C-alpha atoms as a PDB file:
ATOM      1  CA  MET A   1      -0.028  -0.028  -0.022  1.00  0.00           C
ATOM      2  CA  SER A   2       1.371   3.431  -0.930  1.00  0.00           C
ATOM      3  CA  ARG A   3       1.793   6.233   1.582  1.00  0.00           C
ATOM      4  CA  SER A   4      -1.042   8.198   0.164  1.00  0.00           C
ATOM      5  CA  MET A   5      -3.364   5.124   0.186  1.00  0.00           C
ATOM      6  CA  SER A   6      -2.452   4.504   3.839  1.00  0.00           C
ATOM      7  CA  LEU A   7      -3.144   8.134   4.777  1.00  0.00           C
ATOM      8  CA  LYS A   8      -6.505   8.119   2.885  1.00  0.00           C
ATOM      9  CA  ALA A   9      -7.480   4.897   4.771  1.00  0.00           C
ATOM     10  CA  LYS A  10      -6.805   6.555   8.126  1.00  0.00           C
ATOM     11  CA  ILE A  11      -8.708   9.677   7.124  1.00  0.00           C
ATOM     12  CA  ARG A  12     -11.679   7.630   5.988  1.00  0.00           C
ATOM     13  CA  ASN A  13     -11.792   5.840   9.281  1.00  0.00           C
ATOM     14  CA  ILE A  14     -11.890   9.041  11.279  1.00  0.00           C
ATOM     15  CA  ALA A  15     -14.332  10.703   8.940  1.00  0.00           C
ATOM     16  CA  LYS A  16     -16.660   7.781   9.333  1.00  0.00           C
ATOM     17  CA  GLN A  17     -16.263   7.752  13.203  1.00  0.00           C
ATOM     18  CA  LYS A  18     -16.905  11.496  13.488  1.00  0.00           C
ATOM     19  CA  ASN A  19     -19.372  11.939  10.539  1.00  0.00           C
ATOM     20  CA  ILE A  20     -17.054  14.673   9.107  1.00  0.00           C
ATOM     21  CA  PRO A  21     -16.191  15.055   5.410  1.00  0.00           C
ATOM     22  CA  ALA A  22     -12.861  13.325   4.622  1.00  0.00           C
ATOM     23  CA  GLN A  23     -11.568  16.484   2.913  1.00  0.00           C
ATOM     24  CA  VAL A  24     -11.959  18.467   6.246  1.00  0.00           C
ATOM     25  CA  ILE A  25      -9.952  15.784   8.035  1.00  0.00           C
ATOM     26  CA  LEU A  26      -7.267  15.898   5.335  1.00  0.00           C
ATOM     27  CA  GLN A  27      -7.029  19.690   5.502  1.00  0.00           C
ATOM     28  CA  ASN A  28      -6.786  19.739   9.231  1.00  0.00           C
ATOM     29  CA  TYR A  29      -4.167  17.058   9.228  1.00  0.00           C
ATOM     30  CA  MET A  30      -2.046  19.081   6.835  1.00  0.00           C
ATOM     31  CA  PHE A  31      -2.474  22.250   9.007  1.00  0.00           C
ATOM     32  CA  GLU A  32      -1.394  20.047  11.922  1.00  0.00           C
ATOM     33  CA  ARG A  33       1.806  19.051  10.180  1.00  0.00           C
ATOM     34  CA  LEU A  34       2.525  22.754   9.473  1.00  0.00           C
ATOM     35  CA  LEU A  35       1.875  23.697  13.104  1.00  0.00           C
ATOM     36  CA  VAL A  36       4.038  20.869  14.405  1.00  0.00           C
ATOM     37  CA  ARG A  37       6.909  22.401  12.465  1.00  0.00           C
ATOM     38  CA  LEU A  38       6.002  25.884  13.803  1.00  0.00           C
ATOM     39  CA  SER A  39       6.083  24.544  17.299  1.00  0.00           C
ATOM     40  CA  VAL A  40       9.837  23.573  16.961  1.00  0.00           C
ATOM     41  CA  SER A  41      10.862  26.661  14.977  1.00  0.00           C
ATOM     42  CA  GLU A  42      12.467  30.013  15.909  1.00  0.00           C
ATOM     43  CA  TYR A  43       9.112  31.555  15.035  1.00  0.00           C
ATOM     44  CA  LYS A  44       7.086  29.645  17.614  1.00  0.00           C
ATOM     45  CA  ASP A  45       6.686  32.755  19.880  1.00  0.00           C
ATOM     46  CA  LYS A  46       5.800  34.991  16.918  1.00  0.00           C
ATOM     47  CA  PHE A  47       2.404  33.443  15.979  1.00  0.00           C
ATOM     48  CA  VAL A  48      -0.670  33.361  18.212  1.00  0.00           C
ATOM     49  CA  LEU A  49      -3.387  30.926  16.956  1.00  0.00           C
ATOM     50  CA  LYS A  50      -7.052  31.893  16.913  1.00  0.00           C
ATOM     51  CA  GLY A  51     -10.213  31.168  15.024  1.00  0.00           C
ATOM     52  CA  GLY A  52     -11.626  27.987  13.733  1.00  0.00           C
ATOM     53  CA  MET A  53      -8.513  25.811  14.120  1.00  0.00           C
ATOM     54  CA  LEU A  54      -8.210  26.729  17.773  1.00  0.00           C
ATOM     55  CA  VAL A  55     -11.927  26.264  18.457  1.00  0.00           C
ATOM     56  CA  ALA A  56     -11.801  22.849  16.831  1.00  0.00           C
ATOM     57  CA  ALA A  57      -8.952  21.906  19.146  1.00  0.00           C
ATOM     58  CA  ILE A  58     -10.925  23.114  22.202  1.00  0.00           C
ATOM     59  CA  VAL A  59     -14.395  21.710  21.538  1.00  0.00           C
ATOM     60  CA  GLY A  60     -13.510  18.854  19.200  1.00  0.00           C
ATOM     61  CA  LEU A  61     -13.053  18.432  15.519  1.00  0.00           C
ATOM     62  CA  ASP A  62     -16.457  16.633  15.291  1.00  0.00           C
ATOM     63  CA  ASN A  63     -18.173  19.783  16.652  1.00  0.00           C
ATOM     64  CA  ARG A  64     -16.286  22.384  14.687  1.00  0.00           C
ATOM     65  CA  ALA A  65     -14.833  21.569  11.335  1.00  0.00           C
ATOM     66  CA  THR A  66     -12.460  24.276  10.011  1.00  0.00           C
ATOM     67  CA  MET A  67     -11.044  24.821   6.537  1.00  0.00           C
ATOM     68  CA  ASP A  68      -8.699  27.701   7.402  1.00  0.00           C
ATOM     69  CA  LEU A  69      -6.085  28.889   9.854  1.00  0.00           C
ATOM     70  CA  ASP A  70      -6.148  32.263  11.636  1.00  0.00           C
ATOM     71  CA  THR A  71      -3.139  33.715  13.384  1.00  0.00           C
ATOM     72  CA  THR A  72      -2.012  37.025  15.023  1.00  0.00           C
ATOM     73  CA  LEU A  73       1.640  38.088  14.725  1.00  0.00           C
ATOM     74  CA  LYS A  74       3.563  39.029  17.838  1.00  0.00           C
ATOM     75  CA  ASN A  75       6.829  40.960  17.763  1.00  0.00           C
ATOM     76  CA  LEU A  76       7.128  40.486  13.972  1.00  0.00           C
ATOM     77  CA  PRO A  77       6.274  42.964  11.242  1.00  0.00           C
ATOM     78  CA  LEU A  78       3.035  42.604   9.352  1.00  0.00           C
ATOM     79  CA  THR A  79       4.512  42.634   5.917  1.00  0.00           C
ATOM     80  CA  PRO A  80       4.482  40.072   3.008  1.00  0.00           C
ATOM     81  CA  GLU A  81       8.237  39.791   3.201  1.00  0.00           C
ATOM     82  CA  ALA A  82       8.351  39.044   6.937  1.00  0.00           C
ATOM     83  CA  ILE A  83       5.454  36.500   6.570  1.00  0.00           C
ATOM     84  CA  LYS A  84       7.089  34.783   3.647  1.00  0.00           C
ATOM     85  CA  THR A  85      10.494  34.593   5.437  1.00  0.00           C
ATOM     86  CA  ALA A  86       8.907  33.133   8.504  1.00  0.00           C
ATOM     87  CA  LEU A  87       6.817  30.534   6.632  1.00  0.00           C
ATOM     88  CA  GLU A  88       9.795  29.531   4.418  1.00  0.00           C
ATOM     89  CA  GLN A  89      11.774  28.726   7.570  1.00  0.00           C
ATOM     90  CA  VAL A  90       8.887  26.846   9.097  1.00  0.00           C
ATOM     91  CA  CYS A  91       8.020  24.889   5.947  1.00  0.00           C
ATOM     92  CA  GLY A  92      11.722  23.997   5.527  1.00  0.00           C
ATOM     93  CA  ILE A  93      11.874  22.095   8.750  1.00  0.00           C
ATOM     94  CA  GLY A  94      12.482  18.437   8.181  1.00  0.00           C
ATOM     95  CA  SER A  95      10.039  15.763   9.385  1.00  0.00           C
ATOM     96  CA  ASP A  96       9.461  12.063   8.901  1.00  0.00           C
ATOM     97  CA  ASP A  97       5.788  12.671   8.094  1.00  0.00           C
ATOM     98  CA  GLY A  98       6.507  12.892   4.348  1.00  0.00           C
ATOM     99  CA  VAL A  99       4.664  16.202   3.908  1.00  0.00           C
ATOM    100  CA  SER A 100       6.227  19.217   2.118  1.00  0.00           C
ATOM    101  CA  PHE A 101       4.749  22.732   1.655  1.00  0.00           C
ATOM    102  CA  GLU A 102       4.800  25.059  -1.268  1.00  0.00           C
ATOM    103  CA  ILE A 103       4.095  28.784  -0.507  1.00  0.00           C
ATOM    104  CA  GLY A 104       1.945  30.515  -3.058  1.00  0.00           C
ATOM    105  CA  THR A 105       0.396  33.970  -3.004  1.00  0.00           C
ATOM    106  CA  ILE A 106       0.252  36.447  -0.083  1.00  0.00           C
ATOM    107  CA  SER A 107      -2.623  38.888  -0.531  1.00  0.00           C
ATOM    108  CA  PRO A 108      -3.997  41.762   1.547  1.00  0.00           C
ATOM    109  CA  ILE A 109      -7.184  41.157   3.552  1.00  0.00           C
ATOM    110  CA  ARG A 110      -9.215  43.106   6.222  1.00  0.00           C
ATOM    111  CA  GLU A 111      -8.458  46.364   4.328  1.00  0.00           C
ATOM    112  CA  ASP A 112     -11.312  47.989   6.271  1.00  0.00           C
ATOM    113  CA  ASP A 113      -9.371  47.281   9.501  1.00  0.00           C
ATOM    114  CA  ILE A 114      -6.883  49.736  10.895  1.00  0.00           C
ATOM    115  CA  TYR A 115      -4.280  46.991  11.073  1.00  0.00           C
ATOM    116  CA  GLY A 116      -5.160  44.980   7.999  1.00  0.00           C
ATOM    117  CA  GLY A 117      -3.728  41.519   7.313  1.00  0.00           C
ATOM    118  CA  TYR A 118      -2.700  39.042   4.736  1.00  0.00           C
ATOM    119  CA  ARG A 119      -3.926  35.730   3.381  1.00  0.00           C
ATOM    120  CA  VAL A 120      -1.343  33.173   2.525  1.00  0.00           C
ATOM    121  CA  LYS A 121      -2.195  30.422   0.017  1.00  0.00           C
ATOM    122  CA  LEU A 122       0.025  27.329   0.054  1.00  0.00           C
ATOM    123  CA  ASN A 123      -0.084  23.738  -0.953  1.00  0.00           C
ATOM    124  CA  ALA A 124       0.688  20.753   1.262  1.00  0.00           C
ATOM    125  CA  VAL A 125       2.092  17.945  -0.781  1.00  0.00           C
ATOM    126  CA  PHE A 126       2.131  14.254   0.308  1.00  0.00           C
ATOM    127  CA  ASP A 127       3.072  11.593  -2.198  1.00  0.00           C
ATOM    128  CA  THR A 128       0.707  12.276  -5.093  1.00  0.00           C
ATOM    129  CA  MET A 129      -1.693  14.252  -2.957  1.00  0.00           C
ATOM    130  CA  VAL A 130      -1.808  18.044  -3.159  1.00  0.00           C
ATOM    131  CA  THR A 131      -3.991  19.926  -0.507  1.00  0.00           C
ATOM    132  CA  PRO A 132      -4.627  23.663  -0.777  1.00  0.00           C
ATOM    133  CA  LEU A 133      -4.344  25.570   2.535  1.00  0.00           C
ATOM    134  CA  SER A 134      -5.171  29.078   3.476  1.00  0.00           C
ATOM    135  CA  ILE A 135      -3.730  31.073   6.474  1.00  0.00           C
ATOM    136  CA  ASP A 136      -4.999  34.500   7.605  1.00  0.00           C
ATOM    137  CA  VAL A 137      -2.363  36.542   9.281  1.00  0.00           C
ATOM    138  CA  SER A 138      -3.159  39.775  11.168  1.00  0.00           C
ATOM    139  CA  THR A 139      -1.876  41.888  14.092  1.00  0.00           C
ATOM    140  CA  GLY A 140      -3.046  44.532  16.535  1.00  0.00           C
ATOM    141  CA  ASP A 141      -5.642  42.380  18.275  1.00  0.00           C
ATOM    142  CA  VAL A 142      -5.976  42.943  22.005  1.00  0.00           C
ATOM    143  CA  ILE A 143      -5.573  39.611  23.820  1.00  0.00           C
ATOM    144  CA  THR A 144      -7.104  39.871  27.310  1.00  0.00           C
ATOM    145  CA  PRO A 145      -5.472  39.202  29.626  1.00  0.00           C
ATOM    146  CA  HIS A 146      -2.728  37.628  27.363  1.00  0.00           C
ATOM    147  CA  ALA A 147      -2.011  34.736  25.055  1.00  0.00           C
ATOM    148  CA  VAL A 148      -1.733  31.352  26.698  1.00  0.00           C
ATOM    149  CA  PRO A 149       0.310  28.186  25.821  1.00  0.00           C
ATOM    150  CA  TYR A 150      -2.060  25.551  24.376  1.00  0.00           C
ATOM    151  CA  SER A 151      -1.356  21.932  23.894  1.00  0.00           C
ATOM    152  CA  PHE A 152      -2.695  20.455  20.702  1.00  0.00           C
ATOM    153  CA  SER A 153      -3.379  16.748  20.241  1.00  0.00           C
ATOM    154  CA  GLU A 154      -2.437  15.139  16.965  1.00  0.00           C
ATOM    155  CA  ILE A 155      -5.372  13.820  14.842  1.00  0.00           C
ATOM    156  CA  PHE A 156      -4.126  10.246  14.425  1.00  0.00           C
ATOM    157  CA  ASP A 157      -2.583   9.859  17.929  1.00  0.00           C
ATOM    158  CA  ASP A 158      -4.018  12.056  20.662  1.00  0.00           C
ATOM    159  CA  GLU A 159      -1.271  10.977  23.002  1.00  0.00           C
ATOM    160  CA  LYS A 160       1.132  12.995  20.846  1.00  0.00           C
ATOM    161  CA  THR A 161       0.876  16.695  21.527  1.00  0.00           C
ATOM    162  CA  PHE A 162       2.636  19.921  20.436  1.00  0.00           C
ATOM    163  CA  GLU A 163       2.433  23.353  22.143  1.00  0.00           C
ATOM    164  CA  LEU A 164       1.882  26.719  20.604  1.00  0.00           C
ATOM    165  CA  TRP A 165       0.669  30.119  21.759  1.00  0.00           C
ATOM    166  CA  ALA A 166      -3.126  30.769  21.354  1.00  0.00           C
ATOM    167  CA  TYR A 167      -5.893  33.096  22.332  1.00  0.00           C
ATOM    168  CA  ASN A 168      -7.487  32.484  25.645  1.00  0.00           C
ATOM    169  CA  ILE A 169     -11.177  31.558  25.670  1.00  0.00           C
ATOM    170  CA  GLU A 170     -12.185  35.055  26.778  1.00  0.00           C
ATOM    171  CA  THR A 171     -10.548  36.715  23.752  1.00  0.00           C
ATOM    172  CA  VAL A 172     -12.010  34.038  21.464  1.00  0.00           C
ATOM    173  CA  MET A 173     -15.512  34.958  22.710  1.00  0.00           C
ATOM    174  CA  ALA A 174     -14.886  38.672  22.700  1.00  0.00           C
ATOM    175  CA  GLU A 175     -13.708  38.444  19.108  1.00  0.00           C
ATOM    176  CA  LYS A 176     -16.778  36.666  17.970  1.00  0.00           C
ATOM    177  CA  VAL A 177     -19.043  39.211  19.633  1.00  0.00           C
ATOM    178  CA  GLU A 178     -17.067  42.075  17.985  1.00  0.00           C
ATOM    179  CA  THR A 179     -17.479  40.233  14.625  1.00  0.00           C
ATOM    180  CA  ILE A 180     -21.237  39.888  15.029  1.00  0.00           C
ATOM    181  CA  LEU A 181     -21.672  43.493  15.964  1.00  0.00           C
ATOM    182  CA  ARG A 182     -19.315  44.799  13.254  1.00  0.00           C
ATOM    183  CA  ARG A 183     -20.555  42.679  10.329  1.00  0.00           C
ATOM    184  CA  GLY A 184     -24.116  42.205  11.393  1.00  0.00           C
ATOM    185  CA  VAL A 185     -26.252  39.295  12.466  1.00  0.00           C
ATOM    186  CA  PHE A 186     -26.436  37.659   9.054  1.00  0.00           C
ATOM    187  CA  ASN A 187     -22.763  37.176   8.535  1.00  0.00           C
ATOM    188  CA  SER A 188     -21.892  35.306   5.306  1.00  0.00           C
ATOM    189  CA  ARG A 189     -19.178  33.268   7.138  1.00  0.00           C
ATOM    190  CA  THR A 190     -21.032  30.456   8.780  1.00  0.00           C
ATOM    191  CA  GLY A 191     -19.257  29.535  11.998  1.00  0.00           C
ATOM    192  CA  HIS A 192     -19.107  32.754  13.922  1.00  0.00           C
ATOM    193  CA  HIS A 193     -22.342  32.180  15.869  1.00  0.00           C
ATOM    194  CA  PRO A 194     -21.755  28.389  16.473  1.00  0.00           C
ATOM    195  CA  THR A 195     -18.234  29.286  17.571  1.00  0.00           C
ATOM    196  CA  PHE A 196     -19.632  31.773  20.169  1.00  0.00           C
ATOM    197  CA  SER A 197     -22.331  29.458  21.446  1.00  0.00           C
ATOM    198  CA  GLU A 198     -19.958  26.504  21.685  1.00  0.00           C
ATOM    199  CA  THR A 199     -17.418  28.407  23.693  1.00  0.00           C
ATOM    200  CA  ALA A 200     -19.960  30.296  26.027  1.00  0.00           C
END
């Protein structure tokens, strides 16, 4: 059995157990492999995780499926050059998981926000499988009282963990309330209200 077939079999098993689309499991696994590399890199303290990926880790992937990754920068300039340099270093870290990453475009987002941000498109490559990933990078958010170290469990072996900085639950909730008020009740991004209710 090829490595890609073996991975697909593991993903199908979890997808069936948790009643989640296999593509969601695959993308979360690829995000996990990127975050494992970040956790052992010199940029570990420069990124604070927030959003769907963090909520999925807190309440369980079966309750909150995420297809993107949101981060806030800390003590690092919010520029395409700085982001690319950091991600190139992180993606270049060796691992026996067989996954490699190709960085694509870095485009402005949140242009109506005083601090702005960038969306990074990249591909996770495993054997013959290519999985598109998207990372939103921003700065300037107030984290009350402060970011906290959070231990993430790996998808295929929850006894294996890695630690990164993350929003505390109070800030996750506050951010969702702010999003609801700023963008209106009928937000086009499904997930804001479930996130708030799940963490309340």
